[in-house]
Amino acid sequence: MPGQLIRLRREQLGLAQKEVAARLHMSQSTYSRIENQQVSLTIERARRIATELRCPIDDFLPGHAVLQNNAHLSDEALTEKINRIVRIHVEELKQWLLKQSPEPEMKRRSRSGRADK
């Protein structure tokens, strides 16, 4: 999940993988493997990525980690942090649904093979 959230944030900023990877002093393929969750994301890498993508590291953590790691926050601050994560997930779901939508048919074909009007 962190990789998907990282990709979503990068795309929201209109940045290419190659650009972010260069800023992080890593190869584009290594950065791609992070987004595709093919390599483990260390806390240090997550911090560096969060800095480059101008967002809190919490945006990449699952919701339960937010609750555990932020017990010291007021209810209002914690609610805002959770809402921010939910907004990211909603946007990610919208993007996924858009990719799943079938192309609209231009014309339907009748049984005889002719296009219906």
PDB file of N, CA and C in Angstrom:
ATOM      1  N   MET A   1       0.789  -1.205   0.000  1.00  0.00           N
ATOM      2  CA  MET A   1       0.000   0.000   0.000  1.00  0.00           C
ATOM      3  C   MET A   1       0.839   1.281   0.000  1.00  0.00           C
ATOM      4  N   PRO A   2       1.944   1.348   0.738  1.00  0.00           N
ATOM      5  CA  PRO A   2       2.710   2.592   0.690  1.00  0.00           C
ATOM      6  C   PRO A   2       3.150   2.963  -0.724  1.00  0.00           C
ATOM      7  N   GLY A   3       3.537   1.971  -1.518  1.00  0.00           N
ATOM      8  CA  GLY A   3       3.974   2.253  -2.877  1.00  0.00           C
ATOM      9  C   GLY A   3       2.887   2.905  -3.705  1.00  0.00           C
ATOM     10  N   GLN A   4       1.662   2.428  -3.547  1.00  0.00           N
ATOM     11  CA  GLN A   4       0.536   3.011  -4.288  1.00  0.00           C
ATOM     12  C   GLN A   4       0.284   4.444  -3.853  1.00  0.00           C
ATOM     13  N   LEU A   5       0.415   4.703  -2.575  1.00  0.00           N
ATOM     14  CA  LEU A   5       0.202   6.059  -2.063  1.00  0.00           C
ATOM     15  C   LEU A   5       1.316   6.997  -2.531  1.00  0.00           C
ATOM     16  N   ILE A   6       2.525   6.467  -2.596  1.00  0.00           N
ATOM     17  CA  ILE A   6       3.647   7.266  -3.092  1.00  0.00           C
ATOM     18  C   ILE A   6       3.418   7.615  -4.556  1.00  0.00           C
ATOM     19  N   ARG A   7       3.017   6.622  -5.356  1.00  0.00           N
ATOM     20  CA  ARG A   7       2.753   6.869  -6.777  1.00  0.00           C
ATOM     21  C   ARG A   7       1.652   7.913  -6.945  1.00  0.00           C
ATOM     22  N   LEU A   8       0.582   7.774  -6.178  1.00  0.00           N
ATOM     23  CA  LEU A   8      -0.533   8.716  -6.288  1.00  0.00           C
ATOM     24  C   LEU A   8      -0.070  10.137  -5.992  1.00  0.00           C
ATOM     25  N   ARG A   9       0.710  10.309  -4.941  1.00  0.00           N
ATOM     26  CA  ARG A   9       1.187  11.648  -4.577  1.00  0.00           C
ATOM     27  C   ARG A   9       2.101  12.210  -5.680  1.00  0.00           C
ATOM     28  N   ARG A  10       2.997  11.361  -6.210  1.00  0.00           N
ATOM     29  CA  ARG A  10       3.886  11.813  -7.284  1.00  0.00           C
ATOM     30  C   ARG A  10       3.074  12.261  -8.490  1.00  0.00           C
ATOM     31  N   GLU A  11       2.057  11.486  -8.840  1.00  0.00           N
ATOM     32  CA  GLU A  11       1.220  11.832  -9.990  1.00  0.00           C
ATOM     33  C   GLU A  11       0.415  13.105  -9.727  1.00  0.00           C
ATOM     34  N   GLN A  12      -0.035  13.296  -8.480  1.00  0.00           N
ATOM     35  CA  GLN A  12      -0.753  14.528  -8.138  1.00  0.00           C
ATOM     36  C   GLN A  12       0.124  15.751  -8.360  1.00  0.00           C
ATOM     37  N   LEU A  13       1.413  15.606  -8.128  1.00  0.00           N
ATOM     38  CA  LEU A  13       2.353  16.710  -8.312  1.00  0.00           C
ATOM     39  C   LEU A  13       2.819  16.841  -9.755  1.00  0.00           C
ATOM     40  N   GLY A  14       2.430  15.884 -10.597  1.00  0.00           N
ATOM     41  CA  GLY A  14       2.819  15.928 -12.007  1.00  0.00           C
ATOM     42  C   GLY A  14       4.295  15.625 -12.241  1.00  0.00           C
ATOM     43  N   LEU A  15       4.878  14.817 -11.369  1.00  0.00           N
ATOM     44  CA  LEU A  15       6.292  14.486 -11.481  1.00  0.00           C
ATOM     45  C   LEU A  15       6.480  13.115 -12.120  1.00  0.00           C
ATOM     46  N   ALA A  16       7.556  12.969 -12.868  1.00  0.00           N
ATOM     47  CA  ALA A  16       7.917  11.680 -13.461  1.00  0.00           C
ATOM     48  C   ALA A  16       8.751  10.885 -12.458  1.00  0.00           C
ATOM     49  N   GLN A  17       8.691   9.564 -12.571  1.00  0.00           N
ATOM     50  CA  GLN A  17       9.508   8.716 -11.701  1.00  0.00           C
ATOM     51  C   GLN A  17      10.989   9.087 -11.803  1.00  0.00           C
ATOM     52  N   LYS A  18      11.446   9.305 -13.026  1.00  0.00           N
ATOM     53  CA  LYS A  18      12.863   9.614 -13.256  1.00  0.00           C
ATOM     54  C   LYS A  18      13.283  10.871 -12.508  1.00  0.00           C
ATOM     55  N   GLU A  19      12.403  11.871 -12.493  1.00  0.00           N
ATOM     56  CA  GLU A  19      12.695  13.134 -11.815  1.00  0.00           C
ATOM     57  C   GLU A  19      12.808  12.943 -10.307  1.00  0.00           C
ATOM     58  N   VAL A  20      11.850  12.224  -9.727  1.00  0.00           N
ATOM     59  CA  VAL A  20      11.872  11.989  -8.279  1.00  0.00           C
ATOM     60  C   VAL A  20      13.081  11.138  -7.913  1.00  0.00           C
ATOM     61  N   ALA A  21      13.343  10.101  -8.717  1.00  0.00           N
ATOM     62  CA  ALA A  21      14.486   9.220  -8.456  1.00  0.00           C
ATOM     63  C   ALA A  21      15.795  10.015  -8.459  1.00  0.00           C
ATOM     64  N   ALA A  22      15.952  10.914  -9.414  1.00  0.00           N
ATOM     65  CA  ALA A  22      17.177  11.721  -9.479  1.00  0.00           C
ATOM     66  C   ALA A  22      17.324  12.583  -8.229  1.00  0.00           C
ATOM     67  N   ARG A  23      16.235  13.165  -7.773  1.00  0.00           N
ATOM     68  CA  ARG A  23      16.286  13.995  -6.555  1.00  0.00           C
ATOM     69  C   ARG A  23      16.657  13.161  -5.331  1.00  0.00           C
ATOM     70  N   LEU A  24      16.279  11.869  -5.366  1.00  0.00           N
ATOM     71  CA  LEU A  24      16.559  10.970  -4.242  1.00  0.00           C
ATOM     72  C   LEU A  24      17.901  10.266  -4.386  1.00  0.00           C
ATOM     73  N   HIS A  25      18.622  10.565  -5.476  1.00  0.00           N
ATOM     74  CA  HIS A  25      19.925   9.943  -5.746  1.00  0.00           C
ATOM     75  C   HIS A  25      19.803   8.424  -5.829  1.00  0.00           C
ATOM     76  N   MET A  26      18.796   7.962  -6.585  1.00  0.00           N
ATOM     77  CA  MET A  26      18.632   6.532  -6.835  1.00  0.00           C
ATOM     78  C   MET A  26      18.222   6.347  -8.285  1.00  0.00           C
ATOM     79  N   SER A  27      18.340   5.139  -8.776  1.00  0.00           N
ATOM     80  CA  SER A  27      17.969   4.877 -10.164  1.00  0.00           C
ATOM     81  C   SER A  27      16.447   4.891 -10.308  1.00  0.00           C
ATOM     82  N   GLN A  28      16.006   5.149 -11.517  1.00  0.00           N
ATOM     83  CA  GLN A  28      14.570   5.139 -11.800  1.00  0.00           C
ATOM     84  C   GLN A  28      13.999   3.750 -11.557  1.00  0.00           C
ATOM     85  N   SER A  29      14.769   2.700 -11.857  1.00  0.00           N
ATOM     86  CA  SER A  29      14.253   1.339 -11.659  1.00  0.00           C
ATOM     87  C   SER A  29      14.073   1.025 -10.170  1.00  0.00           C
ATOM     88  N   THR A  30      14.985   1.503  -9.336  1.00  0.00           N
ATOM     89  CA  THR A  30      14.822   1.305  -7.883  1.00  0.00           C
ATOM     90  C   THR A  30      13.590   2.042  -7.393  1.00  0.00           C
ATOM     91  N   TYR A  31      13.421   3.273  -7.855  1.00  0.00           N
ATOM     92  CA  TYR A  31      12.244   4.036  -7.441  1.00  0.00           C
ATOM     93  C   TYR A  31      10.961   3.346  -7.918  1.00  0.00           C
ATOM     94  N   SER A  32      10.970   2.843  -9.135  1.00  0.00           N
ATOM     95  CA  SER A  32       9.810   2.126  -9.673  1.00  0.00           C
ATOM     96  C   SER A  32       9.485   0.902  -8.822  1.00  0.00           C
ATOM     97  N   ARG A  33      10.521   0.187  -8.387  1.00  0.00           N
ATOM     98  CA  ARG A  33      10.285  -1.001  -7.544  1.00  0.00           C
ATOM     99  C   ARG A  33       9.693  -0.604  -6.195  1.00  0.00           C
ATOM    100  N   ILE A  34      10.019   0.578  -5.697  1.00  0.00           N
ATOM    101  CA  ILE A  34       9.401   1.061  -4.451  1.00  0.00           C
ATOM    102  C   ILE A  34       7.913   1.297  -4.684  1.00  0.00           C
ATOM    103  N   GLU A  35       7.574   2.002  -5.764  1.00  0.00           N
ATOM    104  CA  GLU A  35       6.158   2.272  -6.057  1.00  0.00           C
ATOM    105  C   GLU A  35       5.378   0.988  -6.315  1.00  0.00           C
ATOM    106  N   ASN A  36       6.040  -0.012  -6.917  1.00  0.00           N
ATOM    107  CA  ASN A  36       5.377  -1.277  -7.223  1.00  0.00           C
ATOM    108  C   ASN A  36       5.491  -2.294  -6.098  1.00  0.00           C
ATOM    109  N   GLN A  37       6.029  -1.842  -4.964  1.00  0.00           N
ATOM    110  CA  GLN A  37       6.144  -2.656  -3.753  1.00  0.00           C
ATOM    111  C   GLN A  37       6.932  -3.937  -3.982  1.00  0.00           C
ATOM    112  N   GLN A  38       7.987  -3.822  -4.788  1.00  0.00           N
ATOM    113  CA  GLN A  38       8.850  -4.967  -5.056  1.00  0.00           C
ATOM    114  C   GLN A  38      10.083  -4.960  -4.161  1.00  0.00           C
ATOM    115  N   VAL A  39      10.281  -3.861  -3.455  1.00  0.00           N
ATOM    116  CA  VAL A  39      11.352  -3.765  -2.456  1.00  0.00           C
ATOM    117  C   VAL A  39      10.752  -3.177  -1.186  1.00  0.00           C
ATOM    118  N   SER A  40      11.368  -3.489  -0.074  1.00  0.00           N
ATOM    119  CA  SER A  40      10.890  -2.962   1.201  1.00  0.00           C
ATOM    120  C   SER A  40      11.175  -1.470   1.287  1.00  0.00           C
ATOM    121  N   LEU A  41      10.245  -0.755   1.852  1.00  0.00           N
ATOM    122  CA  LEU A  41      10.401   0.682   2.049  1.00  0.00           C
ATOM    123  C   LEU A  41      10.882   0.907   3.475  1.00  0.00           C
ATOM    124  N   THR A  42      12.128   1.360   3.603  1.00  0.00           N
ATOM    125  CA  THR A  42      12.669   1.646   4.931  1.00  0.00           C
ATOM    126  C   THR A  42      12.105   2.975   5.421  1.00  0.00           C
ATOM    127  N   ILE A  43      12.188   3.174   6.714  1.00  0.00           N
ATOM    128  CA  ILE A  43      11.721   4.438   7.295  1.00  0.00           C
ATOM    129  C   ILE A  43      12.529   5.597   6.710  1.00  0.00           C
ATOM    130  N   GLU A  44      13.838   5.420   6.571  1.00  0.00           N
ATOM    131  CA  GLU A  44      14.677   6.491   6.034  1.00  0.00           C
ATOM    132  C   GLU A  44      14.280   6.828   4.598  1.00  0.00           C
ATOM    133  N   ARG A  45      14.066   5.810   3.768  1.00  0.00           N
ATOM    134  CA  ARG A  45      13.631   6.076   2.389  1.00  0.00           C
ATOM    135  C   ARG A  45      12.266   6.757   2.375  1.00  0.00           C
ATOM    136  N   ALA A  46      11.365   6.289   3.232  1.00  0.00           N
ATOM    137  CA  ALA A  46      10.034   6.899   3.296  1.00  0.00           C
ATOM    138  C   ALA A  46      10.137   8.368   3.680  1.00  0.00           C
ATOM    139  N   ARG A  47      11.025   8.701   4.615  1.00  0.00           N
ATOM    140  CA  ARG A  47      11.221  10.099   5.014  1.00  0.00           C
ATOM    141  C   ARG A  47      11.740  10.934   3.844  1.00  0.00           C
ATOM    142  N   ARG A  48      12.724  10.395   3.135  1.00  0.00           N
ATOM    143  CA  ARG A  48      13.299  11.126   1.998  1.00  0.00           C
ATOM    144  C   ARG A  48      12.257  11.339   0.902  1.00  0.00           C
ATOM    145  N   ILE A  49      11.479  10.295   0.622  1.00  0.00           N
ATOM    146  CA  ILE A  49      10.442  10.405  -0.412  1.00  0.00           C
ATOM    147  C   ILE A  49       9.382  11.413   0.010  1.00  0.00           C
ATOM    148  N   ALA A  50       8.960  11.343   1.272  1.00  0.00           N
ATOM    149  CA  ALA A  50       7.956  12.283   1.771  1.00  0.00           C
ATOM    150  C   ALA A  50       8.457  13.725   1.642  1.00  0.00           C
ATOM    151  N   THR A  51       9.718  13.946   1.930  1.00  0.00           N
ATOM    152  CA  THR A  51      10.291  15.286   1.798  1.00  0.00           C
ATOM    153  C   THR A  51      10.241  15.753   0.351  1.00  0.00           C
ATOM    154  N   GLU A  52      10.642  14.888  -0.576  1.00  0.00           N
ATOM    155  CA  GLU A  52      10.638  15.256  -1.998  1.00  0.00           C
ATOM    156  C   GLU A  52       9.220  15.470  -2.532  1.00  0.00           C
ATOM    157  N   LEU A  53       8.268  14.712  -2.011  1.00  0.00           N
ATOM    158  CA  LEU A  53       6.880  14.836  -2.474  1.00  0.00           C
ATOM    159  C   LEU A  53       6.081  15.830  -1.634  1.00  0.00           C
ATOM    160  N   ARG A  54       6.786  16.525  -0.734  1.00  0.00           N
ATOM    161  CA  ARG A  54       6.179  17.593   0.078  1.00  0.00           C
ATOM    162  C   ARG A  54       4.910  17.142   0.802  1.00  0.00           C
ATOM    163  N   CYS A  55       5.040  16.057   1.560  1.00  0.00           N
ATOM    164  CA  CYS A  55       3.906  15.573   2.348  1.00  0.00           C
ATOM    165  C   CYS A  55       4.443  14.887   3.599  1.00  0.00           C
ATOM    166  N   PRO A  56       3.610  14.739   4.615  1.00  0.00           N
ATOM    167  CA  PRO A  56       4.060  14.042   5.824  1.00  0.00           C
ATOM    168  C   PRO A  56       4.260  12.554   5.537  1.00  0.00           C
ATOM    169  N   ILE A  57       5.209  11.962   6.222  1.00  0.00           N
ATOM    170  CA  ILE A  57       5.469  10.533   6.048  1.00  0.00           C
ATOM    171  C   ILE A  57       4.229   9.708   6.405  1.00  0.00           C
ATOM    172  N   ASP A  58       3.401  10.226   7.291  1.00  0.00           N
ATOM    173  CA  ASP A  58       2.174   9.519   7.687  1.00  0.00           C
ATOM    174  C   ASP A  58       1.262   9.227   6.504  1.00  0.00           C
ATOM    175  N   ASP A  59       1.374  10.025   5.447  1.00  0.00           N
ATOM    176  CA  ASP A  59       0.524   9.794   4.278  1.00  0.00           C
ATOM    177  C   ASP A  59       0.809   8.446   3.632  1.00  0.00           C
ATOM    178  N   PHE A  60       1.963   7.856   3.910  1.00  0.00           N
ATOM    179  CA  PHE A  60       2.320   6.574   3.321  1.00  0.00           C
ATOM    180  C   PHE A  60       2.053   5.398   4.253  1.00  0.00           C
ATOM    181  N   LEU A  61       1.612   5.690   5.470  1.00  0.00           N
ATOM    182  CA  LEU A  61       1.407   4.631   6.455  1.00  0.00           C
ATOM    183  C   LEU A  61      -0.042   4.177   6.480  1.00  0.00           C
ATOM    184  N   PRO A  62      -0.281   2.896   6.739  1.00  0.00           N
ATOM    185  CA  PRO A  62      -1.660   2.430   6.901  1.00  0.00           C
ATOM    186  C   PRO A  62      -2.335   3.157   8.062  1.00  0.00           C
ATOM    187  N   GLY A  63      -3.648   3.242   8.020  1.00  0.00           N
ATOM    188  CA  GLY A  63      -4.419   3.979   9.019  1.00  0.00           C
ATOM    189  C   GLY A  63      -4.138   3.588  10.449  1.00  0.00           C
ATOM    190  N   HIS A  64      -3.972   2.292  10.727  1.00  0.00           N
ATOM    191  CA  HIS A  64      -3.748   1.876  12.117  1.00  0.00           C
ATOM    192  C   HIS A  64      -2.439   2.431  12.657  1.00  0.00           C
ATOM    193  N   ALA A  65      -1.446   2.561  11.804  1.00  0.00           N
ATOM    194  CA  ALA A  65      -0.173   3.123  12.255  1.00  0.00           C
ATOM    195  C   ALA A  65      -0.339   4.592  12.622  1.00  0.00           C
ATOM    196  N   VAL A  66      -1.206   5.278  11.911  1.00  0.00           N
ATOM    197  CA  VAL A  66      -1.465   6.683  12.227  1.00  0.00           C
ATOM    198  C   VAL A  66      -2.036   6.798  13.630  1.00  0.00           C
ATOM    199  N   LEU A  67      -2.979   5.937  13.946  1.00  0.00           N
ATOM    200  CA  LEU A  67      -3.577   5.985  15.281  1.00  0.00           C
ATOM    201  C   LEU A  67      -2.544   5.668  16.361  1.00  0.00           C
ATOM    202  N   GLN A  68      -1.744   4.624  16.157  1.00  0.00           N
ATOM    203  CA  GLN A  68      -0.758   4.233  17.161  1.00  0.00           C
ATOM    204  C   GLN A  68       0.339   5.268  17.322  1.00  0.00           C
ATOM    205  N   ASN A  69       0.790   5.845  16.238  1.00  0.00           N
ATOM    206  CA  ASN A  69       1.922   6.759  16.285  1.00  0.00           C
ATOM    207  C   ASN A  69       1.540   8.189  16.641  1.00  0.00           C
ATOM    208  N   ASN A  70       0.253   8.463  16.769  1.00  0.00           N
ATOM    209  CA  ASN A  70      -0.184   9.829  17.016  1.00  0.00           C
ATOM    210  C   ASN A  70      -1.139   9.939  18.193  1.00  0.00           C
ATOM    211  N   ALA A  71      -0.968   9.062  19.147  1.00  0.00           N
ATOM    212  CA  ALA A  71      -1.843   9.062  20.320  1.00  0.00           C
ATOM    213  C   ALA A  71      -1.753  10.376  21.083  1.00  0.00           C
ATOM    214  N   HIS A  72      -0.662  11.090  20.930  1.00  0.00           N
ATOM    215  CA  HIS A  72      -0.451  12.348  21.637  1.00  0.00           C
ATOM    216  C   HIS A  72      -1.227  13.518  21.023  1.00  0.00           C
ATOM    217  N   LEU A  73      -1.769  13.336  19.822  1.00  0.00           N
ATOM    218  CA  LEU A  73      -2.476  14.427  19.141  1.00  0.00           C
ATOM    219  C   LEU A  73      -3.870  14.629  19.709  1.00  0.00           C
ATOM    220  N   SER A  74      -4.359  15.832  19.562  1.00  0.00           N
ATOM    221  CA  SER A  74      -5.738  16.107  19.956  1.00  0.00           C
ATOM    222  C   SER A  74      -6.663  15.371  19.010  1.00  0.00           C
ATOM    223  N   ASP A  75      -7.908  15.198  19.413  1.00  0.00           N
ATOM    224  CA  ASP A  75      -8.890  14.529  18.553  1.00  0.00           C
ATOM    225  C   ASP A  75      -9.026  15.256  17.222  1.00  0.00           C
ATOM    226  N   GLU A  76      -8.997  16.566  17.265  1.00  0.00           N
ATOM    227  CA  GLU A  76      -9.150  17.353  16.039  1.00  0.00           C
ATOM    228  C   GLU A  76      -7.968  17.129  15.085  1.00  0.00           C
ATOM    229  N   ALA A  77      -6.762  17.140  15.606  1.00  0.00           N
ATOM    230  CA  ALA A  77      -5.575  16.937  14.764  1.00  0.00           C
ATOM    231  C   ALA A  77      -5.537  15.523  14.200  1.00  0.00           C
ATOM    232  N   LEU A  78      -5.902  14.554  15.029  1.00  0.00           N
ATOM    233  CA  LEU A  78      -5.924  13.171  14.564  1.00  0.00           C
ATOM    234  C   LEU A  78      -6.998  12.970  13.501  1.00  0.00           C
ATOM    235  N   THR A  79      -8.146  13.582  13.696  1.00  0.00           N
ATOM    236  CA  THR A  79      -9.219  13.495  12.706  1.00  0.00           C
ATOM    237  C   THR A  79      -8.769  14.086  11.376  1.00  0.00           C
ATOM    238  N   GLU A  80      -8.089  15.215  11.410  1.00  0.00           N
ATOM    239  CA  GLU A  80      -7.586  15.827  10.175  1.00  0.00           C
ATOM    240  C   GLU A  80      -6.594  14.913   9.483  1.00  0.00           C
ATOM    241  N   LYS A  81      -5.707  14.301  10.236  1.00  0.00           N
ATOM    242  CA  LYS A  81      -4.714  13.394   9.654  1.00  0.00           C
ATOM    243  C   LYS A  81      -5.400  12.190   9.010  1.00  0.00           C
ATOM    244  N   ILE A  82      -6.383  11.632   9.683  1.00  0.00           N
ATOM    245  CA  ILE A  82      -7.126  10.489   9.123  1.00  0.00           C
ATOM    246  C   ILE A  82      -7.893  10.914   7.883  1.00  0.00           C
ATOM    247  N   ASN A  83      -8.507  12.090   7.917  1.00  0.00           N
ATOM    248  CA  ASN A  83      -9.235  12.585   6.740  1.00  0.00           C
ATOM    249  C   ASN A  83      -8.309  12.755   5.542  1.00  0.00           C
ATOM    250  N   ARG A  84      -7.093  13.217   5.787  1.00  0.00           N
ATOM    251  CA  ARG A  84      -6.127  13.379   4.702  1.00  0.00           C
ATOM    252  C   ARG A  84      -5.809  12.022   4.067  1.00  0.00           C
ATOM    253  N   ILE A  85      -5.635  11.009   4.880  1.00  0.00           N
ATOM    254  CA  ILE A  85      -5.348   9.665   4.369  1.00  0.00           C
ATOM    255  C   ILE A  85      -6.547   9.117   3.603  1.00  0.00           C
ATOM    256  N   VAL A  86      -7.738   9.345   4.119  1.00  0.00           N
ATOM    257  CA  VAL A  86      -8.945   8.882   3.430  1.00  0.00           C
ATOM    258  C   VAL A  86      -9.069   9.554   2.066  1.00  0.00           C
ATOM    259  N   ARG A  87      -8.789  10.857   2.002  1.00  0.00           N
ATOM    260  CA  ARG A  87      -8.854  11.561   0.712  1.00  0.00           C
ATOM    261  C   ARG A  87      -7.893  10.938  -0.300  1.00  0.00           C
ATOM    262  N   ILE A  88      -6.713  10.563   0.151  1.00  0.00           N
ATOM    263  CA  ILE A  88      -5.742   9.922  -0.738  1.00  0.00           C
ATOM    264  C   ILE A  88      -6.303   8.597  -1.243  1.00  0.00           C
ATOM    265  N   HIS A  89      -6.881   7.811  -0.336  1.00  0.00           N
ATOM    266  CA  HIS A  89      -7.430   6.513  -0.743  1.00  0.00           C
ATOM    267  C   HIS A  89      -8.609   6.678  -1.689  1.00  0.00           C
ATOM    268  N   VAL A  90      -9.440   7.669  -1.462  1.00  0.00           N
ATOM    269  CA  VAL A  90     -10.580   7.911  -2.354  1.00  0.00           C
ATOM    270  C   VAL A  90     -10.073   8.286  -3.741  1.00  0.00           C
ATOM    271  N   GLU A  91      -9.077   9.144  -3.801  1.00  0.00           N
ATOM    272  CA  GLU A  91      -8.513   9.542  -5.098  1.00  0.00           C
ATOM    273  C   GLU A  91      -7.887   8.334  -5.795  1.00  0.00           C
ATOM    274  N   GLU A  92      -7.184   7.512  -5.027  1.00  0.00           N
ATOM    275  CA  GLU A  92      -6.581   6.300  -5.597  1.00  0.00           C
ATOM    276  C   GLU A  92      -7.666   5.376  -6.158  1.00  0.00           C
ATOM    277  N   LEU A  93      -8.754   5.216  -5.439  1.00  0.00           N
ATOM    278  CA  LEU A  93      -9.859   4.379  -5.908  1.00  0.00           C
ATOM    279  C   LEU A  93     -10.489   4.949  -7.167  1.00  0.00           C
ATOM    280  N   LYS A  94     -10.668   6.260  -7.222  1.00  0.00           N
ATOM    281  CA  LYS A  94     -11.216   6.890  -8.431  1.00  0.00           C
ATOM    282  C   LYS A  94     -10.341   6.613  -9.635  1.00  0.00           C
ATOM    283  N   GLN A  95      -9.031   6.760  -9.460  1.00  0.00           N
ATOM    284  CA  GLN A  95      -8.103   6.513 -10.559  1.00  0.00           C
ATOM    285  C   GLN A  95      -8.181   5.064 -11.019  1.00  0.00           C
ATOM    286  N   TRP A  96      -8.257   4.148 -10.066  1.00  0.00           N
ATOM    287  CA  TRP A  96      -8.356   2.727 -10.412  1.00  0.00           C
ATOM    288  C   TRP A  96      -9.648   2.444 -11.166  1.00  0.00           C
ATOM    289  N   LEU A  97     -10.763   3.016 -10.707  1.00  0.00           N
ATOM    290  CA  LEU A  97     -12.049   2.793 -11.371  1.00  0.00           C
ATOM    291  C   LEU A  97     -12.049   3.349 -12.784  1.00  0.00           C
ATOM    292  N   LEU A  98     -11.432   4.499 -12.972  1.00  0.00           N
ATOM    293  CA  LEU A  98     -11.345   5.068 -14.316  1.00  0.00           C
ATOM    294  C   LEU A  98     -10.584   4.141 -15.261  1.00  0.00           C
ATOM    295  N   LYS A  99      -9.554   3.498 -14.749  1.00  0.00           N
ATOM    296  CA  LYS A  99      -8.774   2.580 -15.581  1.00  0.00           C
ATOM    297  C   LYS A  99      -9.560   1.306 -15.898  1.00  0.00           C
ATOM    298  N   GLN A 100     -10.525   0.945 -15.032  1.00  0.00           N
ATOM    299  CA  GLN A 100     -11.293  -0.280 -15.222  1.00  0.00           C
ATOM    300  C   GLN A 100     -12.490  -0.094 -16.141  1.00  0.00           C
ATOM    301  N   SER A 101     -12.898   1.147 -16.381  1.00  0.00           N
ATOM    302  CA  SER A 101     -14.093   1.419 -17.189  1.00  0.00           C
ATOM    303  C   SER A 101     -13.872   0.972 -18.623  1.00  0.00           C
ATOM    304  N   PRO A 102     -14.850   0.224 -19.187  1.00  0.00           N
ATOM    305  CA  PRO A 102     -14.712  -0.200 -20.585  1.00  0.00           C
ATOM    306  C   PRO A 102     -14.907   0.992 -21.517  1.00  0.00           C
ATOM    307  N   GLU A 103     -14.274   0.897 -22.681  1.00  0.00           N
ATOM    308  CA  GLU A 103     -14.434   1.932 -23.693  1.00  0.00           C
ATOM    309  C   GLU A 103     -15.883   1.911 -24.189  1.00  0.00           C
ATOM    310  N   PRO A 104     -16.511   3.059 -24.371  1.00  0.00           N
ATOM    311  CA  PRO A 104     -17.887   3.062 -24.891  1.00  0.00           C
ATOM    312  C   PRO A 104     -17.881   2.577 -26.336  1.00  0.00           C
ATOM    313  N   GLU A 105     -18.890   1.782 -26.674  1.00  0.00           N
ATOM    314  CA  GLU A 105     -19.002   1.285 -28.036  1.00  0.00           C
ATOM    315  C   GLU A 105     -19.518   2.403 -28.929  1.00  0.00           C
ATOM    316  N   MET A 106     -18.886   2.546 -30.086  1.00  0.00           N
ATOM    317  CA  MET A 106     -19.318   3.579 -31.021  1.00  0.00           C
ATOM    318  C   MET A 106     -20.657   3.190 -31.654  1.00  0.00           C
ATOM    319  N   LYS A 107     -20.760   1.970 -32.095  1.00  0.00           N
ATOM    320  CA  LYS A 107     -22.005   1.475 -32.686  1.00  0.00           C
ATOM    321  C   LYS A 107     -22.155   0.028 -32.289  1.00  0.00           C
ATOM    322  N   ARG A 108     -23.345  -0.375 -32.016  1.00  0.00           N
ATOM    323  CA  ARG A 108     -23.602  -1.774 -31.715  1.00  0.00           C
ATOM    324  C   ARG A 108     -23.837  -2.518 -33.019  1.00  0.00           C
ATOM    325  N   ARG A 109     -23.377  -3.725 -33.082  1.00  0.00           N
ATOM    326  CA  ARG A 109     -23.550  -4.550 -34.280  1.00  0.00           C
ATOM    327  C   ARG A 109     -24.783  -5.435 -34.114  1.00  0.00           C
ATOM    328  N   SER A 110     -25.546  -5.535 -35.173  1.00  0.00           N
ATOM    329  CA  SER A 110     -26.692  -6.442 -35.164  1.00  0.00           C
ATOM    330  C   SER A 110     -26.205  -7.851 -35.456  1.00  0.00           C
ATOM    331  N   ARG A 111     -27.069  -8.823 -35.344  1.00  0.00           N
ATOM    332  CA  ARG A 111     -26.703 -10.212 -35.599  1.00  0.00           C
ATOM    333  C   ARG A 111     -26.229 -10.408 -37.018  1.00  0.00           C
ATOM    334  N   SER A 112     -26.688  -9.603 -37.953  1.00  0.00           N
ATOM    335  CA  SER A 112     -26.285  -9.770 -39.343  1.00  0.00           C
ATOM    336  C   SER A 112     -24.897  -9.177 -39.595  1.00  0.00           C
ATOM    337  N   GLY A 113     -24.343  -8.459 -38.622  1.00  0.00           N
ATOM    338  CA  GLY A 113     -23.028  -7.887 -38.790  1.00  0.00           C
ATOM    339  C   GLY A 113     -23.064  -6.441 -39.229  1.00  0.00           C
ATOM    340  N   ARG A 114     -24.250  -5.917 -39.544  1.00  0.00           N
ATOM    341  CA  ARG A 114     -24.373  -4.515 -39.939  1.00  0.00           C
ATOM    342  C   ARG A 114     -24.463  -3.649 -38.680  1.00  0.00           C
ATOM    343  N   ALA A 115     -23.998  -2.452 -38.806  1.00  0.00           N
ATOM    344  CA  ALA A 115     -24.069  -1.518 -37.685  1.00  0.00           C
ATOM    345  C   ALA A 115     -25.492  -0.989 -37.573  1.00  0.00           C
ATOM    346  N   ASP A 116     -26.017  -0.980 -36.321  1.00  0.00           N
ATOM    347  CA  ASP A 116     -27.334  -0.409 -36.069  1.00  0.00           C
ATOM    348  C   ASP A 116     -27.209   1.109 -36.049  1.00  0.00           C
ATOM    349  N   LYS A 117     -28.270   1.761 -36.430  1.00  0.00           N
ATOM    350  CA  LYS A 117     -28.260   3.232 -36.439  1.00  0.00           C
ATOM    351  C   LYS A 117     -28.862   3.789 -35.196  1.00  0.00           C
TER     352      LYS A 117
END
